[in-house]
Amino acid sequence: FIRRSKRYAAHDDANLCKEGDVVQIEECRPISKSKSWVVIERNGAAIERPAFTILENGPVRASLRVVRTNGRTTVSEIYRLYRDGDQLEVDVRLDFNEHYAMLKLEVPVACASPAEIAEIPLGVQARKMTGNEEPCQRWCALSGSENGLAILNTGKFSYSAKNGALRLTLANGSQSADHNGR
């Protein structure tokens, strides 16, 4: 009886795969030094890959559209970067058709011992990073001694921060608020 096994490093765009999942992989162009395979199916269901479209690539501004689909929800993001700018604009359009689910935009922040701060009515409040959903007004931020990241928004009013990542709540399909944490 002979048993052979081989390991493959496969890229999972949506970071959906967990240990024990049965996946189907497909060879692709090299993604990194060790990855030249991509996951195309997880537990018998096809994995939707994001669609990328370059909208502009000019001397002043570059913009990219990314469209992602998961279940009955579609997220369309347009990323804009100006030549001499120090900020990245992200315009998010959402078709959210989920029940009992929450959708967040998560941005990892590379700064040592970040402090969590957010605008509240008539002021600013510093908080501990617990991962709990917190209210905010037009912005929330993680700030270190030398760098940080702020997310400015025009219509989302809660966020969470944990493990050096800032997560803005884009949509909440809950039937009601759970104030007791059950």
Protein backbone atom coordinates (compact mmCIF):
# COMPACT_ATOMS: atom_id res chain seq x y z
CA PHE A 1 0.00 0.00 0.00
CA ILE A 2 1.56 3.31 -1.10
CA ARG A 3 0.23 6.68 -0.02
CA ARG A 4 1.40 9.93 -1.60
CA SER A 5 0.51 13.47 -0.80
CA LYS A 6 1.56 16.85 -2.12
CA ARG A 7 1.05 20.35 -0.73
CA TYR A 8 -0.15 23.25 -2.85
CA ALA A 9 -0.20 26.89 -1.78
CA ALA A 10 -3.43 28.23 -3.30
CA HIS A 11 -4.71 31.81 -3.21
CA ASP A 12 -8.15 32.41 -1.67
CA ASP A 13 -9.31 35.90 -2.81
CA ALA A 14 -12.17 36.19 -0.34
CA ASN A 15 -10.35 34.43 2.53
CA LEU A 16 -13.33 32.06 2.90
CA CYS A 17 -11.60 28.69 3.18
CA LYS A 18 -11.19 27.09 6.59
CA GLU A 19 -9.34 23.98 7.73
CA GLY A 20 -11.27 20.87 6.69
CA ASP A 21 -12.93 22.44 3.61
CA VAL A 22 -12.81 20.45 0.39
CA VAL A 23 -11.54 22.77 -2.33
CA GLN A 24 -10.87 22.65 -6.04
CA ILE A 25 -7.84 24.59 -7.27
CA GLU A 26 -6.74 25.78 -10.70
CA GLU A 27 -3.26 26.72 -11.93
CA CYS A 28 -2.80 30.42 -12.70
CA ARG A 29 -0.08 33.02 -13.21
CA PRO A 30 2.28 33.31 -10.20
CA ILE A 31 0.63 35.38 -7.48
CA SER A 32 3.57 35.25 -5.09
CA LYS A 33 6.81 33.33 -4.64
CA SER A 34 4.95 30.22 -3.47
CA LYS A 35 1.45 30.64 -4.97
CA SER A 36 0.60 29.76 -8.56
CA TRP A 37 -2.78 28.15 -7.81
CA VAL A 38 -6.15 29.73 -7.05
CA VAL A 39 -9.18 28.27 -5.22
CA ILE A 40 -12.15 28.07 -7.60
CA GLU A 41 -14.56 25.91 -5.56
CA ARG A 42 -15.17 25.41 -1.85
CA ASN A 43 -17.26 22.51 -0.50
CA GLY A 44 -18.93 22.06 -3.90
CA ALA A 45 -19.86 25.73 -4.37
CA ALA A 46 -18.08 27.97 -6.87
CA ILE A 47 -16.18 30.93 -5.41
CA GLU A 48 -17.01 34.22 -7.03
CA ARG A 49 -13.90 36.16 -8.00
CA PRO A 50 -13.93 39.94 -7.91
CA ALA A 51 -14.11 41.70 -11.27
CA PHE A 52 -11.49 44.43 -11.77
CA THR A 53 -11.85 47.26 -14.31
CA ILE A 54 -9.39 50.13 -14.78
CA LEU A 55 -11.53 53.24 -15.24
CA GLU A 56 -8.79 55.89 -15.48
CA ASN A 57 -5.01 55.86 -15.69
CA GLY A 58 -4.08 59.44 -16.45
CA PRO A 59 -1.42 61.93 -15.38
CA VAL A 60 -3.61 63.36 -12.58
CA ARG A 61 -5.73 60.47 -11.32
CA ALA A 62 -6.02 56.69 -11.51
CA SER A 63 -9.20 54.81 -10.65
CA LEU A 64 -10.13 51.16 -10.40
CA ARG A 65 -13.54 49.48 -10.03
CA VAL A 66 -13.81 46.25 -8.03
CA VAL A 67 -17.12 44.35 -8.06
CA ARG A 68 -17.60 41.52 -5.55
CA THR A 69 -20.56 39.19 -5.17
CA ASN A 70 -21.32 37.02 -2.16
CA GLY A 71 -24.64 35.25 -1.87
CA ARG A 72 -27.34 37.80 -2.74
CA THR A 73 -25.16 40.83 -2.06
CA THR A 74 -23.10 42.82 -4.58
CA VAL A 75 -20.51 45.42 -3.58
CA SER A 76 -19.07 47.80 -6.18
CA GLU A 77 -16.04 49.83 -5.05
CA ILE A 78 -14.28 52.56 -7.01
CA TYR A 79 -10.78 53.36 -5.76
CA ARG A 80 -9.36 56.78 -6.74
CA LEU A 81 -5.76 57.83 -6.20
CA TYR A 82 -4.53 61.30 -7.14
CA ARG A 83 -0.96 61.85 -8.34
CA ASP A 84 0.24 64.15 -5.57
CA GLY A 85 -2.41 63.20 -3.02
CA ASP A 86 -1.88 61.50 0.31
CA GLN A 87 -5.30 59.89 0.50
CA LEU A 88 -7.22 57.12 -1.22
CA GLU A 89 -10.88 57.74 -2.07
CA VAL A 90 -13.19 54.71 -2.02
CA ASP A 91 -16.74 55.06 -3.35
CA VAL A 92 -18.83 52.05 -2.26
CA ARG A 93 -22.16 51.10 -3.86
CA LEU A 94 -24.01 48.28 -2.16
CA ASP A 95 -26.90 45.99 -3.12
CA PHE A 96 -27.45 44.26 0.25
CA ASN A 97 -30.08 41.51 0.26
CA GLU A 98 -29.16 39.50 3.37
CA HIS A 99 -31.09 38.84 6.56
CA TYR A 100 -29.44 38.52 9.99
CA ALA A 101 -26.03 39.52 8.60
CA MET A 102 -23.67 42.46 8.91
CA LEU A 103 -21.34 43.75 6.20
CA LYS A 104 -18.16 45.59 7.18
CA LEU A 105 -15.34 47.30 5.30
CA GLU A 106 -12.15 46.15 7.07
CA VAL A 107 -8.88 48.03 6.63
CA PRO A 108 -5.72 46.76 8.35
CA VAL A 109 -3.58 49.52 9.85
CA ALA A 110 0.19 49.05 10.23
CA CYS A 111 1.09 51.17 13.24
CA ALA A 112 2.60 50.35 16.63
CA SER A 113 0.17 50.40 19.58
CA PRO A 114 -2.63 52.30 17.83
CA ALA A 115 -5.18 54.40 19.70
CA GLU A 116 -8.82 54.24 18.64
CA ILE A 117 -10.61 57.58 18.30
CA ALA A 118 -13.89 58.64 16.73
CA GLU A 119 -16.05 61.69 16.25
CA ILE A 120 -19.11 61.76 18.50
CA PRO A 121 -21.79 64.46 18.80
CA LEU A 122 -20.06 67.71 19.79
CA GLY A 123 -16.62 66.15 20.23
CA VAL A 124 -14.09 63.34 19.91
CA GLN A 125 -13.80 60.21 22.04
CA ALA A 126 -10.85 57.85 22.58
CA ARG A 127 -11.78 54.19 23.14
CA LYS A 128 -10.08 50.88 23.87
CA MET A 129 -9.88 48.42 20.96
CA THR A 130 -12.29 45.68 22.08
CA GLY A 131 -13.87 44.68 18.76
CA ASN A 132 -17.28 45.86 19.97
CA GLU A 133 -19.53 47.86 17.68
CA GLU A 134 -19.22 51.55 18.59
CA PRO A 135 -21.15 54.62 17.40
CA CYS A 136 -19.39 57.37 15.47
CA GLN A 137 -20.31 60.38 13.39
CA ARG A 138 -18.41 61.32 10.20
CA TRP A 139 -15.07 59.64 10.97
CA CYS A 140 -13.22 57.03 12.99
CA ALA A 141 -9.47 56.41 13.20
CA LEU A 142 -6.59 54.30 14.48
CA SER A 143 -3.61 56.49 15.26
CA GLY A 144 -0.05 55.60 16.27
CA SER A 145 2.87 57.80 17.28
CA GLU A 146 4.13 58.14 13.69
CA ASN A 147 1.24 57.14 11.44
CA GLY A 148 -2.37 56.05 11.36
CA LEU A 149 -5.52 55.79 9.30
CA ALA A 150 -8.82 57.66 9.39
CA ILE A 151 -11.98 56.62 7.56
CA LEU A 152 -14.20 59.56 6.63
CA ASN A 153 -17.73 58.70 5.59
CA THR A 154 -20.96 60.34 4.54
CA GLY A 155 -23.55 57.97 5.88
CA LYS A 156 -22.31 55.14 8.15
CA PHE A 157 -22.51 55.60 11.89
CA SER A 158 -20.87 52.61 13.56
CA TYR A 159 -17.53 50.81 13.46
CA SER A 160 -15.33 48.40 15.40
CA ALA A 161 -11.57 48.07 15.83
CA LYS A 162 -9.54 45.04 16.87
CA ASN A 163 -6.11 43.55 16.22
CA GLY A 164 -4.92 46.61 14.32
CA ALA A 165 -7.84 46.68 11.87
CA LEU A 166 -10.51 49.36 11.51
CA ARG A 167 -13.93 47.99 10.41
CA LEU A 168 -16.64 50.38 9.22
CA THR A 169 -20.14 48.89 9.25
CA LEU A 170 -21.62 49.26 5.76
CA ALA A 171 -24.92 47.44 6.29
CA ASN A 172 -26.70 45.61 9.10
CA GLY A 173 -29.49 43.16 8.27
CA SER A 174 -30.43 42.50 11.91
CA GLN A 175 -34.10 42.40 12.75
CA SER A 176 -33.53 44.36 15.98
CA ALA A 177 -30.66 45.61 18.14
CA ASP A 178 -29.30 43.28 20.82
CA HIS A 179 -28.34 45.55 23.72
CA ASN A 180 -27.62 42.69 26.15
CA GLY A 181 -24.95 40.88 24.07
CA ARG A 182 -26.83 37.58 23.73
